[in-house]
Amino acid sequence: MTRETLTDPRQEILRAAARLFQQQGYDGTSMNDVAAALKLSKGGLYHHFQSKDEILFDLMNHAMDITQQRVINPVRGIADPEERLRTLIRLHIGVVLSVRDREITVMLHENHPLPPPLRKRINARKKDYVHFLETLIAEAQTARASKRVVDPRAAAFALLGMINWIYQWYRPEGALNEESLIRQYTEIFFAGAFGGA
């Protein structure tokens, strides 16, 4: 494959970089590795991205776009807060487990190397998602007339921690399939945040 045969060069580069970052880690992957994976010259790679930091930032930004498109936007249209929350849990787990969306696992695993200005931009998007989830949990607690023994912010971070860690241990060929995992995580979360599923 040469640079000329890449249909969307930036997307191809990001896809290859995501795979390498996932396999070797960000620090263990060089720009030469990314270029070699695509059979590009190093100059060809630098034509599209000035640095590895820029690639990582674009991967993380794309991961947030995926979260917006596949999780946040679909649940906004659901009127019932509890159903909205259950759907968010299902969709978020689906995105984390998606083999084609390696950007998500790169974002979950490789946030620390970004330079401060870029990290600040990604963290602002993450905070928006946490706030969205926190508000949704509070609305679901109100709809259930819960006593709110669990703070919505703490519950939001607990839920995100639970879901975002799945990629570290989940194996599709294992005993726990995705549907069962979604059901059990939903039950665990609702039992803890609302005192029952």
C-alpha atoms as a PDB file:
ATOM      1  CA  MET A   1       0.000   0.000   0.000  1.00  0.00           C
ATOM      2  CA  THR A   2       1.364   3.399  -0.906  1.00  0.00           C
ATOM      3  CA  ARG A   3       0.260   6.822   0.174  1.00  0.00           C
ATOM      4  CA  GLU A   4      -1.542   7.266  -3.136  1.00  0.00           C
ATOM      5  CA  THR A   5      -3.720   4.184  -2.535  1.00  0.00           C
ATOM      6  CA  LEU A   6      -4.997   5.290   0.881  1.00  0.00           C
ATOM      7  CA  THR A   7      -8.647   6.206   0.346  1.00  0.00           C
ATOM      8  CA  ASP A   8      -8.800   8.601   3.317  1.00  0.00           C
ATOM      9  CA  PRO A   9      -5.177   9.004   4.413  1.00  0.00           C
ATOM     10  CA  ARG A  10      -5.852  10.623   7.797  1.00  0.00           C
ATOM     11  CA  GLN A  11      -8.445   7.997   8.758  1.00  0.00           C
ATOM     12  CA  GLU A  12      -6.182   5.147   7.635  1.00  0.00           C
ATOM     13  CA  ILE A  13      -3.319   6.603   9.664  1.00  0.00           C
ATOM     14  CA  LEU A  14      -5.540   7.025  12.728  1.00  0.00           C
ATOM     15  CA  ARG A  15      -6.835   3.455  12.402  1.00  0.00           C
ATOM     16  CA  ALA A  16      -3.303   2.039  12.142  1.00  0.00           C
ATOM     17  CA  ALA A  17      -2.065   4.215  15.019  1.00  0.00           C
ATOM     18  CA  ALA A  18      -5.002   3.157  17.221  1.00  0.00           C
ATOM     19  CA  ARG A  19      -4.163  -0.495  16.591  1.00  0.00           C
ATOM     20  CA  LEU A  20      -0.474   0.063  17.375  1.00  0.00           C
ATOM     21  CA  PHE A  21      -1.155   2.182  20.479  1.00  0.00           C
ATOM     22  CA  GLN A  22      -3.501  -0.535  21.711  1.00  0.00           C
ATOM     23  CA  GLN A  23      -0.958  -3.317  21.075  1.00  0.00           C
ATOM     24  CA  GLN A  24       2.303  -1.587  22.018  1.00  0.00           C
ATOM     25  CA  GLY A  25       1.193   1.418  24.073  1.00  0.00           C
ATOM     26  CA  TYR A  26       1.652   5.037  23.116  1.00  0.00           C
ATOM     27  CA  ASP A  27       5.218   5.261  24.448  1.00  0.00           C
ATOM     28  CA  GLY A  28       6.161   1.996  22.725  1.00  0.00           C
ATOM     29  CA  THR A  29       4.992   3.188  19.292  1.00  0.00           C
ATOM     30  CA  SER A  30       7.060   5.496  17.119  1.00  0.00           C
ATOM     31  CA  MET A  31       6.065   7.539  14.076  1.00  0.00           C
ATOM     32  CA  ASN A  32       8.272   5.103  12.119  1.00  0.00           C
ATOM     33  CA  ASP A  33       6.095   2.215  13.366  1.00  0.00           C
ATOM     34  CA  VAL A  34       2.940   3.978  12.154  1.00  0.00           C
ATOM     35  CA  ALA A  35       4.521   4.791   8.785  1.00  0.00           C
ATOM     36  CA  ALA A  36       5.786   1.208   8.390  1.00  0.00           C
ATOM     37  CA  ALA A  37       2.358  -0.273   9.213  1.00  0.00           C
ATOM     38  CA  LEU A  38       0.906   1.709   6.309  1.00  0.00           C
ATOM     39  CA  LYS A  39       3.918   1.324   4.004  1.00  0.00           C
ATOM     40  CA  LEU A  40       4.252   5.094   3.981  1.00  0.00           C
ATOM     41  CA  SER A  41       7.435   7.081   4.016  1.00  0.00           C
ATOM     42  CA  LYS A  42       8.025   9.043   7.209  1.00  0.00           C
ATOM     43  CA  GLY A  43       7.672  12.208   5.094  1.00  0.00           C
ATOM     44  CA  GLY A  44       4.338  10.947   3.811  1.00  0.00           C
ATOM     45  CA  LEU A  45       3.152  10.462   7.386  1.00  0.00           C
ATOM     46  CA  TYR A  46       4.340  13.942   8.452  1.00  0.00           C
ATOM     47  CA  HIS A  47       2.421  15.380   5.494  1.00  0.00           C
ATOM     48  CA  HIS A  48      -0.791  14.435   7.358  1.00  0.00           C
ATOM     49  CA  PHE A  49       0.247  14.667  11.032  1.00  0.00           C
ATOM     50  CA  GLN A  50       2.972  16.826  12.539  1.00  0.00           C
ATOM     51  CA  SER A  51       3.497  14.662  15.622  1.00  0.00           C
ATOM     52  CA  LYS A  52       2.460  11.586  17.536  1.00  0.00           C
ATOM     53  CA  ASP A  53       0.679  13.911  19.988  1.00  0.00           C
ATOM     54  CA  GLU A  54      -1.481  15.204  17.140  1.00  0.00           C
ATOM     55  CA  ILE A  55      -2.396  11.633  16.181  1.00  0.00           C
ATOM     56  CA  LEU A  56      -3.277  10.787  19.788  1.00  0.00           C
ATOM     57  CA  PHE A  57      -5.360  13.951  20.162  1.00  0.00           C
ATOM     58  CA  ASP A  58      -7.269  13.205  16.941  1.00  0.00           C
ATOM     59  CA  LEU A  59      -7.897   9.630  18.131  1.00  0.00           C
ATOM     60  CA  MET A  60      -9.259  10.838  21.458  1.00  0.00           C
ATOM     61  CA  ASN A  61     -11.331  13.565  19.837  1.00  0.00           C
ATOM     62  CA  HIS A  62     -12.776  10.984  17.454  1.00  0.00           C
ATOM     63  CA  ALA A  63     -13.536   8.730  20.427  1.00  0.00           C
ATOM     64  CA  MET A  64     -15.547  11.567  21.956  1.00  0.00           C
ATOM     65  CA  ASP A  65     -17.333  12.056  18.619  1.00  0.00           C
ATOM     66  CA  ILE A  66     -18.229   8.339  18.644  1.00  0.00           C
ATOM     67  CA  THR A  67     -19.568   8.695  22.206  1.00  0.00           C
ATOM     68  CA  GLN A  68     -21.615  11.712  21.150  1.00  0.00           C
ATOM     69  CA  GLN A  69     -23.047   9.980  18.058  1.00  0.00           C
ATOM     70  CA  ARG A  70     -23.638   6.486  19.445  1.00  0.00           C
ATOM     71  CA  VAL A  71     -24.448   7.146  23.100  1.00  0.00           C
ATOM     72  CA  ILE A  72     -25.486  10.718  23.911  1.00  0.00           C
ATOM     73  CA  ASN A  73     -27.511  11.624  20.803  1.00  0.00           C
ATOM     74  CA  PRO A  74     -29.648   8.438  20.761  1.00  0.00           C
ATOM     75  CA  VAL A  75     -30.582   8.696  24.462  1.00  0.00           C
ATOM     76  CA  ARG A  76     -31.538  12.394  24.302  1.00  0.00           C
ATOM     77  CA  GLY A  77     -34.747  11.480  22.490  1.00  0.00           C
ATOM     78  CA  ILE A  78     -35.963   9.105  25.211  1.00  0.00           C
ATOM     79  CA  ALA A  79     -38.544  10.777  27.457  1.00  0.00           C
ATOM     80  CA  ASP A  80     -38.390   8.501  30.513  1.00  0.00           C
ATOM     81  CA  PRO A  81     -35.216   9.202  32.567  1.00  0.00           C
ATOM     82  CA  GLU A  82     -34.875   5.621  33.794  1.00  0.00           C
ATOM     83  CA  GLU A  83     -35.200   4.204  30.282  1.00  0.00           C
ATOM     84  CA  ARG A  84     -32.740   6.856  29.076  1.00  0.00           C
ATOM     85  CA  LEU A  85     -30.227   5.724  31.709  1.00  0.00           C
ATOM     86  CA  ARG A  86     -30.690   2.022  30.942  1.00  0.00           C
ATOM     87  CA  THR A  87     -30.184   2.755  27.234  1.00  0.00           C
ATOM     88  CA  LEU A  88     -27.081   4.837  27.958  1.00  0.00           C
ATOM     89  CA  ILE A  89     -25.555   1.935  29.919  1.00  0.00           C
ATOM     90  CA  ARG A  90     -26.285  -0.479  27.055  1.00  0.00           C
ATOM     91  CA  LEU A  91     -24.932   1.849  24.355  1.00  0.00           C
ATOM     92  CA  HIS A  92     -21.834   2.858  26.324  1.00  0.00           C
ATOM     93  CA  ILE A  93     -20.926  -0.794  26.961  1.00  0.00           C
ATOM     94  CA  GLY A  94     -21.483  -1.505  23.259  1.00  0.00           C
ATOM     95  CA  VAL A  95     -19.070   1.259  22.270  1.00  0.00           C
ATOM     96  CA  VAL A  96     -16.403   0.116  24.754  1.00  0.00           C
ATOM     97  CA  LEU A  97     -16.642  -3.465  23.441  1.00  0.00           C
ATOM     98  CA  SER A  98     -16.713  -2.497  19.749  1.00  0.00           C
ATOM     99  CA  VAL A  99     -13.704  -4.004  17.985  1.00  0.00           C
ATOM    100  CA  ARG A 100     -13.882  -1.435  15.203  1.00  0.00           C
ATOM    101  CA  ASP A 101     -13.666   1.528  17.607  1.00  0.00           C
ATOM    102  CA  ARG A 102     -10.158   1.147  18.991  1.00  0.00           C
ATOM    103  CA  GLU A 103     -10.111   4.905  19.534  1.00  0.00           C
ATOM    104  CA  ILE A 104     -12.280   4.348  22.604  1.00  0.00           C
ATOM    105  CA  THR A 105      -9.793   2.039  24.314  1.00  0.00           C
ATOM    106  CA  VAL A 106      -6.900   4.314  23.313  1.00  0.00           C
ATOM    107  CA  MET A 107      -8.745   7.222  24.940  1.00  0.00           C
ATOM    108  CA  LEU A 108      -9.438   5.213  28.089  1.00  0.00           C
ATOM    109  CA  HIS A 109      -5.874   3.996  28.392  1.00  0.00           C
ATOM    110  CA  GLU A 110      -3.599   6.704  26.994  1.00  0.00           C
ATOM    111  CA  ASN A 111      -4.746  10.088  28.306  1.00  0.00           C
ATOM    112  CA  HIS A 112      -1.587  10.975  30.238  1.00  0.00           C
ATOM    113  CA  PRO A 113       0.895  11.637  27.393  1.00  0.00           C
ATOM    114  CA  LEU A 114      -1.067  14.503  25.797  1.00  0.00           C
ATOM    115  CA  PRO A 115       0.484  17.959  26.184  1.00  0.00           C
ATOM    116  CA  PRO A 116      -1.513  20.136  28.645  1.00  0.00           C
ATOM    117  CA  PRO A 117      -3.390  22.305  26.066  1.00  0.00           C
ATOM    118  CA  LEU A 118      -4.603  19.229  24.146  1.00  0.00           C
ATOM    119  CA  ARG A 119      -5.358  17.297  27.343  1.00  0.00           C
ATOM    120  CA  LYS A 120      -7.436  20.252  28.549  1.00  0.00           C
ATOM    121  CA  ARG A 121      -9.581  20.130  25.383  1.00  0.00           C
ATOM    122  CA  ILE A 122     -10.209  16.373  25.684  1.00  0.00           C
ATOM    123  CA  ASN A 123     -10.879  16.617  29.416  1.00  0.00           C
ATOM    124  CA  ALA A 124     -13.468  19.362  28.783  1.00  0.00           C
ATOM    125  CA  ARG A 125     -15.360  16.970  26.497  1.00  0.00           C
ATOM    126  CA  LYS A 126     -15.105  14.182  29.081  1.00  0.00           C
ATOM    127  CA  LYS A 127     -16.415  16.520  31.795  1.00  0.00           C
ATOM    128  CA  ASP A 128     -19.402  17.389  29.588  1.00  0.00           C
ATOM    129  CA  TYR A 129     -20.215  13.688  29.365  1.00  0.00           C
ATOM    130  CA  VAL A 130     -19.869  13.220  33.133  1.00  0.00           C
ATOM    131  CA  HIS A 131     -22.190  16.198  33.684  1.00  0.00           C
ATOM    132  CA  PHE A 132     -24.714  14.768  31.192  1.00  0.00           C
ATOM    133  CA  LEU A 133     -24.651  11.422  33.020  1.00  0.00           C
ATOM    134  CA  GLU A 134     -24.815  13.041  36.462  1.00  0.00           C
ATOM    135  CA  THR A 135     -27.901  15.044  35.434  1.00  0.00           C
ATOM    136  CA  LEU A 136     -29.526  11.930  33.994  1.00  0.00           C
ATOM    137  CA  ILE A 137     -28.927   9.957  37.212  1.00  0.00           C
ATOM    138  CA  ALA A 138     -30.414  12.809  39.276  1.00  0.00           C
ATOM    139  CA  GLU A 139     -33.475  12.886  36.993  1.00  0.00           C
ATOM    140  CA  ALA A 140     -33.902   9.109  37.299  1.00  0.00           C
ATOM    141  CA  GLN A 141     -33.597   9.347  41.098  1.00  0.00           C
ATOM    142  CA  THR A 142     -36.278  12.054  41.158  1.00  0.00           C
ATOM    143  CA  ALA A 143     -38.555  10.028  38.858  1.00  0.00           C
ATOM    144  CA  ARG A 144     -38.175   7.026  41.181  1.00  0.00           C
ATOM    145  CA  ALA A 145     -38.703   9.203  44.247  1.00  0.00           C
ATOM    146  CA  SER A 146     -35.421   7.801  45.588  1.00  0.00           C
ATOM    147  CA  LYS A 147     -34.034   9.129  48.851  1.00  0.00           C
ATOM    148  CA  ARG A 148     -30.804   9.897  47.033  1.00  0.00           C
ATOM    149  CA  VAL A 149     -28.554   7.985  49.371  1.00  0.00           C
ATOM    150  CA  VAL A 150     -26.040   7.999  46.535  1.00  0.00           C
ATOM    151  CA  ASP A 151     -24.833  11.336  45.196  1.00  0.00           C
ATOM    152  CA  PRO A 152     -25.472  11.569  41.405  1.00  0.00           C
ATOM    153  CA  ARG A 153     -21.889  12.719  40.760  1.00  0.00           C
ATOM    154  CA  ALA A 154     -20.396   9.809  42.698  1.00  0.00           C
ATOM    155  CA  ALA A 155     -22.809   7.468  40.919  1.00  0.00           C
ATOM    156  CA  ALA A 156     -21.778   8.877  37.513  1.00  0.00           C
ATOM    157  CA  PHE A 157     -18.075   8.308  38.212  1.00  0.00           C
ATOM    158  CA  ALA A 158     -18.792   4.824  39.604  1.00  0.00           C
ATOM    159  CA  LEU A 159     -20.756   3.871  36.487  1.00  0.00           C
ATOM    160  CA  LEU A 160     -18.108   5.216  34.117  1.00  0.00           C
ATOM    161  CA  GLY A 161     -15.347   3.452  36.040  1.00  0.00           C
ATOM    162  CA  MET A 162     -17.277   0.193  35.913  1.00  0.00           C
ATOM    163  CA  ILE A 163     -17.983   0.390  32.176  1.00  0.00           C
ATOM    164  CA  ASN A 164     -14.690   1.891  31.031  1.00  0.00           C
ATOM    165  CA  TRP A 165     -12.673  -0.868  32.722  1.00  0.00           C
ATOM    166  CA  ILE A 166     -14.449  -3.669  30.794  1.00  0.00           C
ATOM    167  CA  TYR A 167     -12.025  -3.535  27.862  1.00  0.00           C
ATOM    168  CA  GLN A 168      -9.200  -4.600  30.234  1.00  0.00           C
ATOM    169  CA  TRP A 169     -10.701  -7.977  31.061  1.00  0.00           C
ATOM    170  CA  TYR A 170     -13.561  -8.793  28.675  1.00  0.00           C
ATOM    171  CA  ARG A 171     -13.069 -11.637  26.171  1.00  0.00           C
ATOM    172  CA  PRO A 172     -15.846 -12.194  23.592  1.00  0.00           C
ATOM    173  CA  GLU A 173     -15.109 -15.927  23.602  1.00  0.00           C
ATOM    174  CA  GLY A 174     -15.504 -16.075  27.402  1.00  0.00           C
ATOM    175  CA  ALA A 175     -18.478 -17.259  29.424  1.00  0.00           C
ATOM    176  CA  LEU A 176     -20.003 -13.777  29.768  1.00  0.00           C
ATOM    177  CA  ASN A 177     -21.595 -12.517  26.553  1.00  0.00           C
ATOM    178  CA  GLU A 178     -22.286  -8.850  25.844  1.00  0.00           C
ATOM    179  CA  GLU A 179     -26.054  -9.012  26.503  1.00  0.00           C
ATOM    180  CA  SER A 180     -25.529 -10.772  29.826  1.00  0.00           C
ATOM    181  CA  LEU A 181     -22.871  -8.231  30.780  1.00  0.00           C
ATOM    182  CA  ILE A 182     -25.191  -5.322  29.936  1.00  0.00           C
ATOM    183  CA  ARG A 183     -28.014  -6.842  31.996  1.00  0.00           C
ATOM    184  CA  GLN A 184     -25.796  -7.540  35.005  1.00  0.00           C
ATOM    185  CA  TYR A 185     -24.064  -4.149  34.969  1.00  0.00           C
ATOM    186  CA  THR A 186     -27.444  -2.428  34.738  1.00  0.00           C
ATOM    187  CA  GLU A 187     -28.728  -4.454  37.697  1.00  0.00           C
ATOM    188  CA  ILE A 188     -25.601  -3.774  39.765  1.00  0.00           C
ATOM    189  CA  PHE A 189     -25.769  -0.047  39.057  1.00  0.00           C
ATOM    190  CA  PHE A 190     -29.494   0.337  39.686  1.00  0.00           C
ATOM    191  CA  ALA A 191     -29.294  -1.706  42.903  1.00  0.00           C
ATOM    192  CA  GLY A 192     -26.523   0.569  44.180  1.00  0.00           C
ATOM    193  CA  ALA A 193     -27.760   3.950  42.961  1.00  0.00           C
ATOM    194  CA  PHE A 194     -31.485   3.410  43.459  1.00  0.00           C
ATOM    195  CA  GLY A 195     -31.744   0.638  46.046  1.00  0.00           C
ATOM    196  CA  GLY A 196     -33.031  -1.952  43.593  1.00  0.00           C
ATOM    197  CA  ALA A 197     -33.201  -2.875  39.909  1.00  0.00           C
END
